[in-house]
Amino acid sequence: MTTEKNEPPPSAPWYRHGLVWMIISGPAIVIVAGFVTLYLAIRTPDPVITPDYYRQGIEINKTLPKDRALMPAVQGRNHANTPAEEN
C-alpha cells in the first residue's frame, strides 16, 4: 500500500461542513421571516380611519381639563425659570 505525499486528503461533501450551513442559514431565515411578515400583513389589514379624524382630535383637546395640577411638566419648566420667592 503506497500513497503519494502530494495527494490531498479526501474531503467530505459540501453539506457535511458546518460553515456552509451557517452561511446558508442567514438568507434562509430572512426569507422565512419575509413570508411570515407577508402572511401577517395580508391576514390583518390596517383599520380604516374615519374621514373626520382631525376634527375628532380637536374635539378631544377641547374636552381635556385645563387644570394646572394635571400639567407637571409645565409646572416644572415654569418653576425652573422663576426666581425663588422670599418670605
C-alpha atoms as a PDB file:
ATOM      1  CA  MET A   1       0.000   0.000   0.000  1.00  0.00           C
ATOM      2  CA  THR A   2       1.725   3.082  -1.248  1.00  0.00           C
ATOM      3  CA  THR A   3       0.423   6.610  -1.245  1.00  0.00           C
ATOM      4  CA  GLU A   4       1.897   9.701  -2.747  1.00  0.00           C
ATOM      5  CA  LYS A   5       2.691  12.617  -0.484  1.00  0.00           C
ATOM      6  CA  ASN A   6       1.341  15.187  -2.972  1.00  0.00           C
ATOM      7  CA  GLU A   7      -2.144  13.710  -2.969  1.00  0.00           C
ATOM      8  CA  PRO A   8      -4.726  15.787  -0.978  1.00  0.00           C
ATOM      9  CA  PRO A   9      -6.774  14.015   1.691  1.00  0.00           C
ATOM     10  CA  PRO A  10     -10.311  13.061   0.683  1.00  0.00           C
ATOM     11  CA  SER A  11     -12.811  15.769   1.563  1.00  0.00           C
ATOM     12  CA  ALA A  12     -16.386  15.400   2.750  1.00  0.00           C
ATOM     13  CA  PRO A  13     -19.338  16.556   0.627  1.00  0.00           C
ATOM     14  CA  TRP A  14     -20.309  20.229   0.935  1.00  0.00           C
ATOM     15  CA  TYR A  15     -23.345  19.519   3.100  1.00  0.00           C
ATOM     16  CA  ARG A  16     -21.148  17.952   5.797  1.00  0.00           C
ATOM     17  CA  HIS A  17     -19.373  21.245   6.584  1.00  0.00           C
ATOM     18  CA  GLY A  18     -20.815  23.415   9.341  1.00  0.00           C
ATOM     19  CA  LEU A  19     -19.705  26.735   7.874  1.00  0.00           C
ATOM     20  CA  VAL A  20     -21.725  26.121   4.729  1.00  0.00           C
ATOM     21  CA  TRP A  21     -24.905  25.731   6.784  1.00  0.00           C
ATOM     22  CA  MET A  22     -24.070  28.813   8.812  1.00  0.00           C
ATOM     23  CA  ILE A  23     -23.756  30.873   5.615  1.00  0.00           C
ATOM     24  CA  ILE A  24     -26.930  29.412   4.101  1.00  0.00           C
ATOM     25  CA  SER A  25     -28.976  29.845   7.295  1.00  0.00           C
ATOM     26  CA  GLY A  26     -28.756  33.686   7.303  1.00  0.00           C
ATOM     27  CA  PRO A  27     -30.536  34.300   3.999  1.00  0.00           C
ATOM     28  CA  ALA A  28     -32.894  31.370   4.638  1.00  0.00           C
ATOM     29  CA  ILE A  29     -34.047  32.895   7.951  1.00  0.00           C
ATOM     30  CA  VAL A  30     -34.606  36.265   6.258  1.00  0.00           C
ATOM     31  CA  ILE A  31     -36.718  34.654   3.519  1.00  0.00           C
ATOM     32  CA  VAL A  32     -38.856  32.787   6.062  1.00  0.00           C
ATOM     33  CA  ALA A  33     -39.294  35.963   8.129  1.00  0.00           C
ATOM     34  CA  GLY A  34     -40.360  37.808   4.972  1.00  0.00           C
ATOM     35  CA  PHE A  35     -43.066  35.245   4.248  1.00  0.00           C
ATOM     36  CA  VAL A  36     -44.267  35.387   7.862  1.00  0.00           C
ATOM     37  CA  THR A  37     -44.477  39.178   7.624  1.00  0.00           C
ATOM     38  CA  LEU A  38     -46.355  38.940   4.328  1.00  0.00           C
ATOM     39  CA  TYR A  39     -48.809  36.461   5.867  1.00  0.00           C
ATOM     40  CA  LEU A  40     -49.436  38.745   8.858  1.00  0.00           C
ATOM     41  CA  ALA A  41     -49.883  41.782   6.610  1.00  0.00           C
ATOM     42  CA  ILE A  42     -52.448  40.012   4.435  1.00  0.00           C
ATOM     43  CA  ARG A  43     -54.294  38.376   7.340  1.00  0.00           C
ATOM     44  CA  THR A  44     -54.636  41.529   9.494  1.00  0.00           C
ATOM     45  CA  PRO A  45     -55.098  44.612   7.293  1.00  0.00           C
ATOM     46  CA  ASP A  46     -54.816  48.098   8.757  1.00  0.00           C
ATOM     47  CA  PRO A  47     -58.075  49.553  10.058  1.00  0.00           C
ATOM     48  CA  VAL A  48     -59.637  52.353   8.044  1.00  0.00           C
ATOM     49  CA  ILE A  49     -59.756  55.662   9.901  1.00  0.00           C
ATOM     50  CA  THR A  50     -62.783  57.901   9.896  1.00  0.00           C
ATOM     51  CA  PRO A  51     -62.740  60.768   7.388  1.00  0.00           C
ATOM     52  CA  ASP A  52     -63.159  63.367  10.147  1.00  0.00           C
ATOM     53  CA  TYR A  53     -60.271  62.159  12.340  1.00  0.00           C
ATOM     54  CA  TYR A  54     -58.750  65.635  12.501  1.00  0.00           C
ATOM     55  CA  ARG A  55     -61.954  67.204  13.837  1.00  0.00           C
ATOM     56  CA  GLN A  56     -62.283  64.427  16.419  1.00  0.00           C
ATOM     57  CA  GLY A  57     -58.755  65.119  17.617  1.00  0.00           C
ATOM     58  CA  ILE A  58     -59.506  68.809  18.025  1.00  0.00           C
ATOM     59  CA  GLU A  59     -62.680  67.957  19.977  1.00  0.00           C
ATOM     60  CA  ILE A  60     -60.688  65.724  22.330  1.00  0.00           C
ATOM     61  CA  ASN A  61     -58.272  68.588  23.026  1.00  0.00           C
ATOM     62  CA  LYS A  62     -61.197  70.882  23.856  1.00  0.00           C
ATOM     63  CA  THR A  63     -62.638  68.440  26.383  1.00  0.00           C
ATOM     64  CA  LEU A  64     -59.375  67.924  28.301  1.00  0.00           C
ATOM     65  CA  PRO A  65     -59.293  69.665  31.687  1.00  0.00           C
ATOM     66  CA  LYS A  66     -57.250  72.839  31.871  1.00  0.00           C
ATOM     67  CA  ASP A  67     -56.188  72.268  35.489  1.00  0.00           C
ATOM     68  CA  ARG A  68     -52.558  73.245  36.150  1.00  0.00           C
ATOM     69  CA  ALA A  69     -52.168  70.412  38.664  1.00  0.00           C
ATOM     70  CA  LEU A  70     -52.532  67.979  35.790  1.00  0.00           C
ATOM     71  CA  MET A  71     -49.601  69.513  33.912  1.00  0.00           C
ATOM     72  CA  PRO A  72     -46.475  68.742  35.984  1.00  0.00           C
ATOM     73  CA  ALA A  73     -44.102  69.215  33.061  1.00  0.00           C
ATOM     74  CA  VAL A  74     -45.304  72.784  32.503  1.00  0.00           C
ATOM     75  CA  GLN A  75     -45.107  73.493  36.228  1.00  0.00           C
ATOM     76  CA  GLY A  76     -41.579  72.133  36.444  1.00  0.00           C
ATOM     77  CA  ARG A  77     -40.471  74.203  33.481  1.00  0.00           C
ATOM     78  CA  ASN A  78     -42.044  77.367  34.849  1.00  0.00           C
ATOM     79  CA  HIS A  79     -40.635  76.725  38.319  1.00  0.00           C
ATOM     80  CA  ALA A  80     -37.108  76.410  36.921  1.00  0.00           C
ATOM     81  CA  ASN A  81     -37.439  79.758  35.122  1.00  0.00           C
ATOM     82  CA  THR A  82     -38.808  81.804  38.011  1.00  0.00           C
ATOM     83  CA  PRO A  83     -36.656  83.139  40.852  1.00  0.00           C
ATOM     84  CA  ALA A  84     -37.122  81.828  44.365  1.00  0.00           C
ATOM     85  CA  GLU A  85     -39.744  83.611  46.438  1.00  0.00           C
ATOM     86  CA  GLU A  86     -38.703  85.320  49.657  1.00  0.00           C
ATOM     87  CA  ASN A  87     -40.932  85.068  52.745  1.00  0.00           C
END
